[in-house]
Protein backbone atom coordinates (compact mmCIF):
# COMPACT_ATOMS: atom_id res chain seq x y z
CA UNK A 1 113.89 98.56 36.66
CA UNK A 2 113.54 101.05 33.83
CA UNK A 3 116.54 101.22 31.51
CA UNK A 4 115.66 104.81 30.64
CA UNK A 5 118.95 106.11 29.26
CA UNK A 6 120.08 103.86 26.43
CA UNK A 7 116.76 102.10 26.02
CA UNK A 8 114.77 105.22 25.21
CA UNK A 9 117.33 106.16 22.58
CA UNK A 10 117.27 102.72 21.01
CA UNK A 11 113.47 102.73 21.10
CA UNK A 12 113.50 105.76 18.81
CA UNK A 13 115.88 103.95 16.47
CA UNK A 14 113.70 100.85 16.37
CA UNK A 15 110.64 102.90 15.54
CA UNK A 16 112.41 104.55 12.60
CA UNK A 17 112.08 103.27 9.03
CA UNK A 18 114.24 100.24 8.29
CA UNK A 19 115.91 101.76 5.22
CA UNK A 20 119.39 103.13 5.71
CA UNK A 21 120.02 106.84 5.18
CA UNK A 22 123.24 107.94 3.56
CA UNK A 23 125.74 109.56 5.96
CA UNK A 24 126.67 113.20 5.46
CA UNK A 25 130.32 112.27 6.01
CA UNK A 26 131.97 110.41 3.09
CA UNK A 27 131.71 106.67 3.61
CA UNK A 28 135.47 106.27 3.24
CA UNK A 29 135.88 108.12 6.55
CA UNK A 30 133.51 105.79 8.42
CA UNK A 31 133.70 102.19 9.60
CA UNK A 32 130.98 99.88 10.92
CA UNK A 33 130.19 100.18 14.62
CA UNK A 34 130.68 97.09 16.78
CA UNK A 35 129.32 95.85 20.09
CA UNK A 36 132.27 95.72 22.53
CA UNK A 37 133.17 92.20 23.58
CA UNK A 38 130.98 90.59 20.91
CA UNK A 39 131.69 88.49 17.84
CA UNK A 40 129.63 87.43 14.86
CA UNK A 41 129.56 84.85 12.10
CA UNK A 42 127.17 83.42 9.51
CA UNK A 43 125.57 80.00 9.89
CA UNK A 44 123.55 78.37 7.07
CA UNK A 45 120.65 76.08 7.90
CA UNK A 46 119.61 73.01 5.96
CA UNK A 47 116.28 73.05 7.82
CA UNK A 48 115.13 76.56 6.87
CA UNK A 49 117.25 77.21 3.78
CA UNK A 50 118.38 80.54 5.26
CA UNK A 51 121.73 81.83 6.43
CA UNK A 52 121.68 83.46 9.86
CA UNK A 53 123.76 86.22 11.35
CA UNK A 54 124.90 84.96 14.75
CA UNK A 55 126.24 87.46 17.29
CA UNK A 56 127.81 86.19 20.51
CA UNK A 57 128.98 87.80 23.75
CA UNK A 58 130.42 85.75 26.62
CA UNK A 59 129.81 87.74 29.81
CA UNK A 60 131.92 86.66 32.76
CA UNK A 61 134.18 83.61 33.10
CA UNK A 62 132.81 80.24 32.05
CA UNK A 63 131.31 78.37 35.03
CA UNK A 64 132.41 74.81 35.72
CA UNK A 65 129.10 73.52 34.39
CA UNK A 66 129.28 75.79 31.31
CA UNK A 67 127.59 79.05 30.39
CA UNK A 68 123.85 79.54 30.71
CA UNK A 69 122.75 80.71 27.25
CA UNK A 70 120.21 83.35 26.23
CA UNK A 71 119.18 83.16 22.57
CA UNK A 72 117.90 86.56 21.45
CA UNK A 73 115.57 86.44 18.44
CA UNK A 74 115.56 89.42 16.07
CA UNK A 75 119.21 89.61 17.04
CA UNK A 76 119.96 92.36 14.52
CA UNK A 77 117.80 94.69 16.62
CA UNK A 78 117.94 93.29 20.14
CA UNK A 79 121.32 91.62 20.61
CA UNK A 80 123.09 94.95 21.31
CA UNK A 81 120.51 95.73 24.01
CA UNK A 82 120.90 92.33 25.66
CA UNK A 83 124.69 92.45 25.49
CA UNK A 84 124.82 95.98 26.93
CA UNK A 85 122.45 95.04 29.76
CA UNK A 86 124.32 91.86 30.71
CA UNK A 87 127.77 93.43 30.43
CA UNK A 88 126.67 96.47 32.41
CA UNK A 89 125.26 94.39 35.25
CA UNK A 90 128.33 92.15 35.26
CA UNK A 91 130.51 95.18 36.02
CA UNK A 92 128.96 95.04 39.52
CA UNK A 93 128.03 91.38 39.56
CA UNK A 94 127.52 90.96 43.30
CA UNK A 95 125.43 94.10 43.55
CA UNK A 96 123.23 93.01 40.64
CA UNK A 97 123.12 89.30 41.48
CA UNK A 98 124.56 88.71 38.02
CA UNK A 99 125.83 85.33 36.84
CA UNK A 100 128.02 84.50 33.83
CA UNK A 101 125.99 84.15 30.65
CA UNK A 102 126.43 83.63 26.93
CA UNK A 103 124.30 86.03 24.88
CA UNK A 104 123.49 84.80 21.37
CA UNK A 105 121.77 87.04 18.84
CA UNK A 106 119.97 85.19 16.05
CA UNK A 107 119.40 87.52 13.12
CA UNK A 108 119.54 87.76 9.37
CA UNK A 109 121.50 90.78 8.14
CA UNK A 110 123.35 93.82 9.37
CA UNK A 111 121.45 95.94 6.84
CA UNK A 112 118.17 96.29 8.76
CA UNK A 113 116.87 96.17 12.31
CA UNK A 114 114.23 93.61 11.33
CA UNK A 115 113.87 91.30 8.34
CA UNK A 116 110.08 91.33 8.19
CA UNK A 117 109.69 88.56 5.63
CA UNK A 118 112.19 86.15 7.18
CA UNK A 119 110.95 86.56 10.74
CA UNK A 120 107.30 86.16 9.70
CA UNK A 121 108.14 82.81 8.17
CA UNK A 122 110.49 81.57 10.89
CA UNK A 123 108.55 82.62 13.98
CA UNK A 124 104.97 81.62 13.12
CA UNK A 125 103.41 78.17 13.70
CA UNK A 126 102.34 75.94 10.81
CA UNK A 127 98.66 76.34 9.98
CA UNK A 128 96.13 74.87 7.60
CA UNK A 129 95.05 78.30 6.33
CA UNK A 130 96.96 81.57 6.05
CA UNK A 131 94.22 83.68 4.48
CA UNK A 132 93.40 85.59 7.69
CA UNK A 133 96.73 86.00 9.46
CA UNK A 134 96.17 89.68 10.24
CA UNK A 135 99.58 90.45 8.69
CA UNK A 136 99.34 92.63 5.59
CA UNK A 137 103.10 92.93 5.05
CA UNK A 138 104.31 89.33 4.84
CA UNK A 139 103.44 86.48 2.49
CA UNK A 140 105.25 83.43 3.87
CA UNK A 141 104.43 81.90 7.25
CA UNK A 142 104.47 78.67 9.21
CA UNK A 143 108.18 77.89 9.49
CA UNK A 144 108.41 77.66 13.29
CA UNK A 145 109.11 73.92 13.38
CA UNK A 146 111.98 74.22 10.90
CA UNK A 147 113.37 77.22 12.76
CA UNK A 148 113.15 75.32 16.03
CA UNK A 149 115.22 72.55 14.46
CA UNK A 150 117.78 75.13 13.35
CA UNK A 151 118.11 76.45 16.90
CA UNK A 152 118.35 73.07 18.61
CA UNK A 153 120.03 70.86 15.99
CA UNK A 154 122.34 73.28 14.16
CA UNK A 155 123.02 76.44 16.15
CA UNK A 156 123.25 74.85 19.60
CA UNK A 157 125.82 72.19 18.59
CA UNK A 158 127.80 74.81 16.68
CA UNK A 159 127.97 77.01 19.77
CA UNK A 160 128.98 74.03 21.90
CA UNK A 161 132.08 73.62 19.71
CA UNK A 162 133.01 77.25 20.35
CA UNK A 163 132.06 77.78 24.01
CA UNK A 164 131.47 75.63 27.10
CA UNK A 165 127.67 75.52 27.44
CA UNK A 166 125.41 74.34 30.22
CA UNK A 167 122.97 72.10 28.31
CA UNK A 168 120.40 72.40 31.11
CA UNK A 169 120.37 76.20 31.01
CA UNK A 170 119.26 77.12 27.50
CA UNK A 171 117.00 80.19 27.50
CA UNK A 172 115.10 82.12 24.82
CA UNK A 173 113.97 85.73 24.31
CA UNK A 174 111.49 86.78 21.64
CA UNK A 175 109.43 89.91 21.00
CA UNK A 176 106.22 90.20 18.96
CA UNK A 177 106.43 87.36 16.42
CA UNK A 178 109.51 86.26 18.36
CA UNK A 179 107.36 86.14 21.49
CA UNK A 180 104.83 84.06 19.60
CA UNK A 181 107.62 81.65 18.70
CA UNK A 182 108.68 81.49 22.35
CA UNK A 183 105.14 80.45 23.32
CA UNK A 184 104.88 77.96 20.47
CA UNK A 185 108.20 76.38 21.43
CA UNK A 186 106.98 76.11 25.02
CA UNK A 187 103.71 74.44 24.09
CA UNK A 188 105.14 72.17 21.38
CA UNK A 189 108.68 71.51 22.68
CA UNK A 190 108.68 72.43 26.39
CA UNK A 191 112.02 70.76 27.19
CA UNK A 192 113.96 72.66 24.50
CA UNK A 193 114.57 75.69 26.74
CA UNK A 194 114.72 76.04 30.51
CA UNK A 195 113.27 79.57 30.51
CA UNK A 196 111.51 81.72 27.96
CA UNK A 197 111.05 85.49 27.83
CA UNK A 198 108.01 86.30 25.68
CA UNK A 199 107.62 90.05 25.22
CA UNK A 200 104.41 91.25 23.55
CA UNK A 201 103.77 87.85 21.94
CA UNK A 202 101.56 88.05 18.84
CA UNK A 203 98.90 85.74 20.23
CA UNK A 204 96.44 87.41 17.82
CA UNK A 205 98.24 86.03 14.74
CA UNK A 206 96.12 83.96 12.33
CA UNK A 207 92.96 84.06 14.44
CA UNK A 208 94.92 83.08 17.57
CA UNK A 209 96.33 79.92 16.04
CA UNK A 210 98.66 79.39 19.03
CA UNK A 211 95.67 78.52 21.24
CA UNK A 212 95.21 75.29 19.29
CA UNK A 213 98.20 73.91 21.22
CA UNK A 214 96.42 74.02 24.59
CA UNK A 215 94.82 70.52 24.52
CA UNK A 216 98.16 68.74 24.06
CA UNK A 217 100.29 71.02 26.20
CA UNK A 218 99.81 69.49 29.65
CA UNK A 219 100.81 66.06 28.32
CA UNK A 220 103.87 67.45 26.57
CA UNK A 221 104.91 69.33 29.70
CA UNK A 222 104.54 66.24 31.87
CA UNK A 223 106.63 64.25 29.40
CA UNK A 224 109.38 66.89 29.53
CA UNK A 225 110.63 65.52 32.85
CA UNK A 226 110.92 66.84 36.37
CA UNK A 227 112.71 70.07 35.50
CA UNK A 228 111.20 73.36 36.60
CA UNK A 229 110.65 75.48 33.50
CA UNK A 230 110.09 79.24 33.47
CA UNK A 231 108.10 81.73 31.41
CA UNK A 232 108.15 85.51 31.74
CA UNK A 233 105.34 87.21 29.83
CA UNK A 234 105.20 90.96 29.28
CA UNK A 235 103.26 93.60 27.38
CA UNK A 236 102.91 97.39 27.39
CA UNK A 237 99.91 99.43 28.40
CA UNK A 238 99.74 101.23 25.05
CA UNK A 239 99.51 98.01 23.09
CA UNK A 240 95.80 97.84 23.81
CA UNK A 241 94.88 101.50 24.28
CA UNK A 242 96.07 104.53 22.33
CA UNK A 243 99.03 106.41 23.74
CA UNK A 244 97.78 109.81 24.99
CA UNK A 245 99.98 111.86 22.66
CA UNK A 246 98.50 110.18 19.55
CA UNK A 247 95.54 111.72 17.72
CA UNK A 248 92.29 109.93 18.42
CA UNK A 249 91.78 107.25 15.79
CA UNK A 250 88.89 104.83 15.92
CA UNK A 251 90.56 102.68 13.25
CA UNK A 252 93.83 102.37 15.18
CA UNK A 253 91.97 101.74 18.43
CA UNK A 254 89.94 99.02 16.72
CA UNK A 255 93.15 97.21 15.73
CA UNK A 256 94.54 97.49 19.26
CA UNK A 257 91.28 96.27 20.76
CA UNK A 258 91.02 93.32 18.37
CA UNK A 259 94.58 92.21 19.05
CA UNK A 260 94.10 92.78 22.81
CA UNK A 261 97.79 92.34 23.52
CA UNK A 262 97.61 93.10 27.25
CA UNK A 263 94.45 91.10 27.90
CA UNK A 264 95.72 88.11 25.93
CA UNK A 265 99.04 88.07 27.78
CA UNK A 266 97.31 88.31 31.16
CA UNK A 267 94.84 85.56 30.25
CA UNK A 268 97.59 83.31 28.89
CA UNK A 269 99.60 83.73 32.07
CA UNK A 270 96.56 83.06 34.26
CA UNK A 271 95.83 79.82 32.40
CA UNK A 272 99.33 78.58 33.14
CA UNK A 273 98.76 78.90 36.89
CA UNK A 274 96.44 75.89 36.82
CA UNK A 275 97.62 72.77 38.71
CA UNK A 276 98.34 70.74 35.57
CA UNK A 277 101.12 73.21 34.71
CA UNK A 278 102.83 73.11 38.11
CA UNK A 279 106.19 72.35 36.45
CA UNK A 280 106.09 75.86 35.03
CA UNK A 281 107.01 79.01 36.94
CA UNK A 282 105.20 81.98 35.37
CA UNK A 283 105.60 85.74 35.77
CA UNK A 284 103.33 88.17 33.92
CA UNK A 285 104.16 91.87 33.71
CA UNK A 286 102.30 94.83 32.20
CA UNK A 287 104.55 97.85 31.72
CA UNK A 288 102.68 101.14 32.24
CA UNK A 289 102.95 103.80 29.55
CA UNK A 290 104.92 101.58 27.17
CA UNK A 291 104.31 100.80 23.51
CA UNK A 292 104.95 97.74 21.36
CA UNK A 293 108.41 99.05 20.45
CA UNK A 294 109.55 100.30 23.84
CA UNK A 295 108.35 97.36 25.92
CA UNK A 296 110.83 95.01 24.24
CA UNK A 297 113.76 96.97 25.57
CA UNK A 298 112.50 96.93 29.14
CA UNK A 299 111.61 93.25 28.87
CA UNK A 300 115.19 92.39 27.90
CA UNK A 301 116.84 94.11 30.86
CA UNK A 302 114.27 92.94 33.38
CA UNK A 303 114.19 89.50 31.78
CA UNK A 304 117.93 89.06 32.21
CA UNK A 305 117.56 89.96 35.90
CA UNK A 306 114.79 87.37 36.15
CA UNK A 307 117.08 84.78 34.55
CA UNK A 308 119.78 85.64 37.09
CA UNK A 309 117.32 84.98 39.91
CA UNK A 310 116.20 81.71 38.32
CA UNK A 311 119.84 80.62 37.99
CA UNK A 312 120.67 81.46 41.60
CA UNK A 313 117.76 79.26 42.72
CA UNK A 314 118.92 76.30 40.61
CA UNK A 315 121.74 74.14 41.97
CA UNK A 316 122.64 73.14 38.41
CA UNK A 317 123.21 76.77 37.44
CA UNK A 318 124.11 78.67 40.61
CA UNK A 319 127.75 79.90 40.56
CA UNK A 320 130.02 79.51 43.62
CA UNK A 321 129.50 83.16 44.59
CA UNK A 322 125.87 82.39 45.53
CA UNK A 323 126.36 78.98 47.18
């Protein structure tokens, strides 16, 4: 389903420069906008040394077994999209097959859509060498293990004190570097999340460092227990070929071809269909005529629908309405 109304507008916003422009109306006459039904707070981490902006929206009444949770990385940018999508579908829950869910945005600041430096450090795997990461904007990398500990050892218990959570239904969304983190967490810590939504994962980063996890992955997955884990991979057509309205650029096309976002996602998904990964349910989607920015917005809405379906199929998650 294409979320063409509010998603296309937000896509334009995400593509805009991160710096704030001064309003024409005097600031004294304005107040910060809020996401209806959402709350936020700051949570410091001893593992990463950062303080995170946590945004939370509880959609629907708490189930007996607690809320399924969706952690949304780059929460400053994408939490409003996820909250709007979930709240909108909950308005006609039966029609949409919606289930109650706790949406949790994990971000850094309300000053920018994306904190490029912080996310580059938090979302990328540790590596022996960072001299050829392919990232010309960031300088610090390799903090994925520490960030994983923040999510599972600090944020998750904190949320459990505030809301009734279903510990068996912890889910994760990430886009770009966030998608890379989703894949790394799957391959390194498969039991940490029931389902993962990896939109346009930066498999290309640091000479495809993530692929070094393949040899150990099947053993880690087997050790994770009998649970059925899920992964939804997605990418946009114009992440590997130039969008038709752009001027022809051999340099830009060379970057797209080298990163091969669509091909890498398809190949990654195909690898996971092998028998040794039978504990994993995989869906791979290529969105036609979508770019790196716009595909994230579609992947959130469609990903939440996919999580609803996964929940309805799971006796430990399925609400009474669908029993």
